[in-house]
Protein backbone atom coordinates (compact mmCIF):
# COMPACT_ATOMS: atom_id res chain seq x y z
CA MET A 1 0.00 0.00 0.00
CA SER A 2 1.34 3.43 -0.95
CA TYR A 3 2.27 6.18 1.49
CA ALA A 4 -0.53 8.54 0.48
CA THR A 5 -3.14 5.77 0.62
CA ASN A 6 -2.30 5.19 4.28
CA LEU A 7 -3.15 8.84 5.02
CA LEU A 8 -6.66 8.79 3.55
CA SER A 9 -9.36 9.72 6.02
CA ARG A 10 -12.38 7.58 6.81
CA GLY A 11 -14.66 7.26 3.80
CA GLU A 12 -12.17 8.98 1.47
CA GLU A 13 -11.56 7.24 -1.85
CA ILE A 14 -9.12 7.77 -4.72
CA VAL A 15 -10.82 9.06 -7.88
CA PHE A 16 -7.81 9.57 -10.19
CA GLU A 17 -4.10 8.84 -9.86
CA SER A 18 -1.18 10.10 -11.92
CA ARG A 19 2.49 11.12 -11.79
CA GLN A 20 4.97 13.03 -13.94
CA HIS A 21 5.32 12.01 -17.57
CA TRP A 22 8.35 9.89 -18.40
CA PHE A 23 9.66 12.84 -20.40
CA ALA A 24 10.41 14.43 -17.04
CA ILE A 25 12.89 11.62 -16.37
CA LEU A 26 14.64 12.30 -19.66
CA ALA A 27 14.76 16.02 -18.94
CA GLU A 28 16.47 15.38 -15.61
CA THR A 29 18.79 12.53 -16.55
CA TRP A 30 19.83 13.20 -20.14
CA ALA A 31 23.28 14.42 -19.06
CA TRP A 32 23.78 11.33 -16.92
CA VAL A 33 22.68 9.13 -19.81
CA VAL A 34 25.29 10.77 -22.04
CA ALA A 35 27.91 10.22 -19.32
CA VAL A 36 27.01 6.54 -19.13
CA ILE A 37 27.29 6.14 -22.89
CA LEU A 38 30.67 7.91 -23.09
CA ALA A 39 32.09 6.09 -20.08
CA LEU A 40 30.96 2.74 -21.38
CA ALA A 41 32.36 3.44 -24.87
CA LEU A 42 35.76 4.49 -23.46
CA LEU A 43 35.93 1.45 -21.21
CA ILE A 44 35.26 -0.82 -24.14
CA PHE A 45 37.88 1.03 -26.19
CA LEU A 46 40.51 0.74 -23.43
CA GLY A 47 39.79 -2.91 -22.97
CA THR A 48 40.17 -3.83 -26.62
CA ASN A 49 43.22 -1.75 -27.59
CA THR A 50 46.79 -1.24 -26.56
CA PRO A 51 47.52 1.34 -23.86
CA ILE A 52 46.47 4.75 -25.13
CA PHE A 53 48.84 6.79 -23.01
CA GLY A 54 51.70 4.34 -23.37
CA ASN A 55 51.59 3.59 -19.69
CA THR A 56 49.49 0.92 -18.12
CA THR A 57 49.37 2.81 -14.81
CA ILE A 58 47.76 5.86 -16.40
CA ASP A 59 45.40 3.66 -18.36
CA GLY A 60 44.47 1.92 -15.12
CA ILE A 61 43.72 5.24 -13.41
CA VAL A 62 41.62 6.35 -16.37
CA THR A 63 39.75 3.07 -16.28
CA ILE A 64 38.99 3.50 -12.58
CA VAL A 65 37.75 7.05 -13.18
CA LEU A 66 35.53 5.87 -16.01
CA LEU A 67 34.12 3.10 -13.83
CA VAL A 68 33.32 5.61 -11.09
CA VAL A 69 31.62 7.89 -13.63
CA LEU A 70 29.69 4.96 -15.05
CA LEU A 71 28.51 3.63 -11.70
CA GLY A 72 27.74 7.12 -10.38
CA SER A 73 25.72 8.00 -13.46
CA LEU A 74 23.79 4.72 -13.27
CA ALA A 75 23.11 5.33 -9.56
CA ARG A 76 21.81 8.82 -10.32
CA ILE A 77 19.55 7.54 -13.09
CA GLY A 78 18.28 4.79 -10.79
CA SER A 79 17.50 7.25 -7.99
CA VAL A 80 15.54 9.46 -10.39
CA LEU A 81 13.57 6.46 -11.63
CA TRP A 82 12.90 5.34 -8.06
CA ALA A 83 11.73 8.81 -7.07
CA TRP A 84 9.48 8.91 -10.14
CA ARG A 85 7.93 5.58 -9.20
CA ASN A 86 7.18 6.94 -5.71
CA GLN A 87 5.34 10.00 -7.00
CA GLU A 88 1.63 10.08 -6.15
CA PHE A 89 -0.55 12.79 -7.64
CA LEU A 90 -4.07 11.95 -6.46
CA VAL A 91 -7.58 13.29 -6.77
CA THR A 92 -9.73 11.89 -3.99
CA THR A 93 -13.32 12.43 -3.03
CA ARG A 94 -12.21 15.26 -0.73
CA ARG A 95 -8.68 16.44 -1.57
CA ILE A 96 -5.89 16.89 -4.08
CA ILE A 97 -2.73 15.17 -2.90
CA LYS A 98 0.84 15.56 -4.11
CA CYS A 99 3.30 13.14 -2.53
CA GLU A 100 6.97 12.81 -3.50
CA GLY A 101 10.17 11.38 -2.06
CA ILE A 102 11.81 8.01 -1.52
CA PHE A 103 12.82 7.94 2.12
CA ASN A 104 11.96 11.49 3.14
CA LYS A 105 8.39 12.12 2.05
CA ASN A 106 7.16 15.53 0.95
CA MET A 107 3.38 15.60 0.93
CA GLY A 108 1.05 18.50 0.22
CA ASP A 109 -2.71 18.43 -0.03
CA SER A 110 -5.61 20.83 -0.41
CA GLY A 111 -9.34 20.39 0.04
CA LEU A 112 -11.41 20.47 -3.11
CA GLU A 113 -13.64 23.13 -1.62
CA LYS A 114 -10.60 25.47 -1.55
CA VAL A 115 -9.81 25.06 -5.26
CA ASN A 116 -10.61 28.34 -7.01
CA ASP A 117 -9.23 27.71 -10.48
CA ALA A 118 -6.91 25.47 -12.48
CA HIS A 119 -4.66 26.62 -15.32
CA LEU A 120 -3.41 23.97 -17.75
CA SER A 121 -0.62 24.67 -20.23
CA GLN A 122 0.46 22.23 -22.94
CA SER A 123 2.97 22.65 -25.73
CA TRP A 124 2.46 21.04 -29.10
CA LEU A 125 4.81 18.26 -28.01
CA GLY A 126 2.88 17.90 -24.77
CA ARG A 127 -0.40 17.53 -26.67
CA ILE A 128 1.14 14.77 -28.79
CA PHE A 129 2.61 12.82 -25.85
CA ASP A 130 -0.15 13.81 -23.39
CA TYR A 131 1.67 15.80 -20.71
CA GLY A 132 1.48 19.36 -19.43
CA THR A 133 1.79 21.67 -16.46
CA LEU A 134 -1.25 22.08 -14.24
CA ASP A 135 -1.33 25.14 -12.00
CA ILE A 136 -4.01 24.78 -9.30
CA LEU A 137 -5.05 27.99 -7.58
CA THR A 138 -6.39 27.47 -4.09
CA ALA A 139 -7.44 29.66 -1.20
CA ALA A 140 -4.41 28.40 0.74
CA ASP A 141 -1.76 29.49 -1.77
CA GLU A 142 -0.57 32.30 0.47
CA LEU A 143 -0.08 29.80 3.29
CA GLY A 144 1.93 27.39 1.18
CA GLY A 145 -0.59 25.28 -0.68
CA ILE A 146 -0.02 22.71 -3.39
CA GLU A 147 2.79 23.43 -5.85
CA ASP A 148 2.32 23.23 -9.60
CA PHE A 149 2.12 19.80 -11.21
CA HIS A 150 5.03 20.09 -13.67
CA MET A 151 5.01 17.77 -16.70
CA LEU A 152 1.98 15.94 -15.38
CA ALA A 153 0.92 12.82 -17.26
CA ASP A 154 -2.73 12.79 -18.41
CA PRO A 155 -3.25 16.42 -17.33
CA VAL A 156 -6.64 16.80 -19.04
CA LYS A 157 -8.08 13.73 -17.30
CA PHE A 158 -6.59 14.88 -14.00
CA LYS A 159 -8.20 18.30 -14.32
CA ILE A 160 -11.58 16.89 -15.37
CA ALA A 161 -11.58 14.43 -12.46
CA MET A 162 -10.72 17.25 -10.04
CA LEU A 163 -13.45 19.58 -11.31
CA ASN A 164 -16.06 16.81 -11.43
CA GLN A 165 -15.28 15.74 -7.88
CA LYS A 166 -15.36 19.35 -6.68
CA GLU A 167 -18.84 19.74 -8.16
CA LEU A 168 -20.02 16.50 -6.57
CA LEU A 169 -18.64 17.64 -3.23
CA GLU A 170 -20.49 20.95 -3.47
CA ARG A 171 -23.66 19.34 -4.84
CA PRO A 172 -24.01 15.87 -3.30
CA ASP A 173 -27.39 15.44 -4.99
CA LEU A 174 -25.52 14.83 -8.26
CA ALA A 175 -23.50 11.95 -6.85
CA PRO A 176 -24.65 8.45 -7.85
CA PRO A 177 -25.60 6.11 -5.02
CA ARG A 178 -22.64 4.20 -3.66
CA ARG A 179 -22.50 0.45 -3.58
CA TYR A 180 -22.82 0.28 0.17
CA GLN A 181 -26.00 2.38 -0.10
CA GLN A 182 -27.62 -0.01 -2.59
CA ARG A 183 -29.00 -2.44 -0.11
CA ASP A 184 -31.28 -5.31 -0.86
CA ALA A 185 -35.00 -4.79 -0.56
CA GLN A 186 -36.23 -5.27 2.96
CA PRO A 187 -38.41 -8.35 3.47
CA GLU A 188 -42.10 -7.77 3.81
CA MET A 189 -43.12 -7.16 7.39
CA ARG A 190 -45.43 -9.75 8.87
CA ARG A 191 -47.70 -9.31 11.79
CA ALA A 192 -46.46 -11.25 14.73
CA GLU A 193 -48.75 -14.03 15.87
CA PRO A 194 -49.89 -13.79 19.49
CA MET A 195 -48.04 -16.03 21.88
CA PRO A 196 -50.09 -18.46 23.93
CA PRO A 197 -50.64 -17.23 27.50
CA ARG A 198 -48.42 -18.55 30.21
CA ALA A 199 -49.78 -20.39 33.17
CA GLY A 200 -50.89 -18.05 35.92
CA SER A 201 -51.11 -14.94 33.67
CA ASP A 202 -54.14 -12.67 33.35
CA ARG A 203 -54.68 -13.77 29.75
CA VAL A 204 -55.65 -17.26 30.74
CA SER A 205 -59.29 -16.27 30.83
CA GLU A 206 -59.23 -14.43 27.46
CA VAL A 207 -61.11 -15.95 24.56
CA HIS A 208 -59.03 -16.75 21.44
CA SER A 209 -60.16 -18.13 18.13
CA GLY A 210 -58.38 -20.92 16.34
CA PRO A 211 -58.22 -24.65 16.15
CA ALA A 212 -55.52 -25.00 18.82
CA PRO A 213 -56.78 -25.34 22.37
CA ILE A 214 -56.03 -22.22 24.39
CA VAL A 215 -57.00 -20.87 27.73
CA GLY A 216 -59.98 -19.00 26.34
CA GLU A 217 -61.69 -22.28 25.52
CA ALA A 218 -61.99 -22.99 29.19
CA ARG A 219 -63.80 -19.70 29.69
CA ALA A 220 -65.92 -20.30 26.58
CA ALA A 221 -66.83 -23.76 27.94
CA GLU A 222 -67.80 -22.28 31.28
CA PRO A 223 -71.60 -22.38 31.54
CA ALA A 224 -73.43 -19.14 32.07
CA PRO A 225 -75.36 -18.88 35.31
CA SER A 226 -78.66 -18.76 33.47
CA SER A 227 -78.00 -21.70 31.08
CA GLN A 228 -78.67 -25.38 31.61
CA HIS A 229 -76.02 -27.96 30.77
CA SER A 230 -76.24 -31.66 30.53
CA GLY A 231 -73.96 -33.99 32.44
CA SER A 232 -72.09 -34.95 29.27
CA ASP A 233 -71.24 -31.31 28.49
CA LEU A 234 -69.87 -30.79 32.00
CA ALA A 235 -67.79 -33.92 31.74
CA THR A 236 -66.40 -32.78 28.40
CA THR A 237 -65.53 -29.43 29.97
CA LEU A 238 -63.67 -31.13 32.80
CA GLU A 239 -61.70 -33.21 30.31
CA ARG A 240 -60.71 -30.11 28.37
CA LEU A 241 -59.64 -28.37 31.56
CA GLY A 242 -57.53 -31.40 32.46
CA GLY A 243 -55.88 -31.29 29.05
CA LEU A 244 -55.06 -27.60 29.49
CA ARG A 245 -53.53 -28.32 32.87
CA GLU A 246 -51.37 -31.11 31.47
CA LYS A 247 -50.08 -28.74 28.76
CA GLY A 248 -49.15 -26.19 31.38
CA LEU A 249 -51.56 -23.56 30.08
CA ILE A 250 -53.36 -23.28 33.42
CA THR A 251 -52.18 -23.87 36.97
CA ASN A 252 -53.48 -26.46 39.37
CA GLU A 253 -55.17 -23.73 41.39
CA GLU A 254 -57.06 -22.49 38.34
CA TYR A 255 -58.02 -26.05 37.42
CA GLU A 256 -59.31 -26.80 40.91
CA ALA A 257 -61.26 -23.52 41.02
CA LYS A 258 -62.95 -24.24 37.67
CA LYS A 259 -63.60 -27.84 38.65
CA HIS A 260 -65.19 -26.72 41.89
CA ASP A 261 -67.52 -24.30 40.04
CA ILE A 262 -68.56 -26.96 37.52
CA LEU A 263 -69.21 -29.58 40.20
CA GLU A 264 -71.42 -27.13 42.10
CA ARG A 265 -73.60 -26.66 39.02
CA MET A 266 -74.08 -30.34 38.32
């Protein structure tokens, strides 16, 4: 994971990423490339011919110097390439980030809401090879804001991504819904079925409809004071009360009280 990615805040995402064009490497290392070519050519020449200066000691010293120049030039070119690979020019959902450096990091950033304008300059060669210099004007320039993006690769795409994200930040209604906001449809809500009353509760005497035997059936089976019941009906009622007691839907006290009332009416 890159250095700048580790510094992203919660919910911040990278929208566009770029770095300097590879022409910037050539512009910085062309002299070192020439030195490598010359040093390598002279070393090959010294190794395949008789001593140039007529003295092997002098030729040896020249060879050592050429080797130092060759290795130093290669090291310089390698460091430039390494630094180029570590460049991070980012447009995120909230900021513009410019991060450079191999061991010592130099990072500058600016919030998109502070961006006032962006000036892009491209030469005819830059238009052909797609590079340019992007000058971003922010409200924090006087306090040391982001420096210019010199020889930026894909400068047009970088600028468009920055302006689009700035507009989305200022007008969130234009932003498309994110993936984590696209949730599956909620299941249809169902009405919870009433739980059977527990033994000893006040709902034991309530009347419930349904094929399953519940406490209310005992109350529905209870004869009204003004009605006449046969002995078989009272016996059936006692059996049903006994079944409710065995299932734990009524307590022994409730069963005995109901049984006592029914026996008094027989």
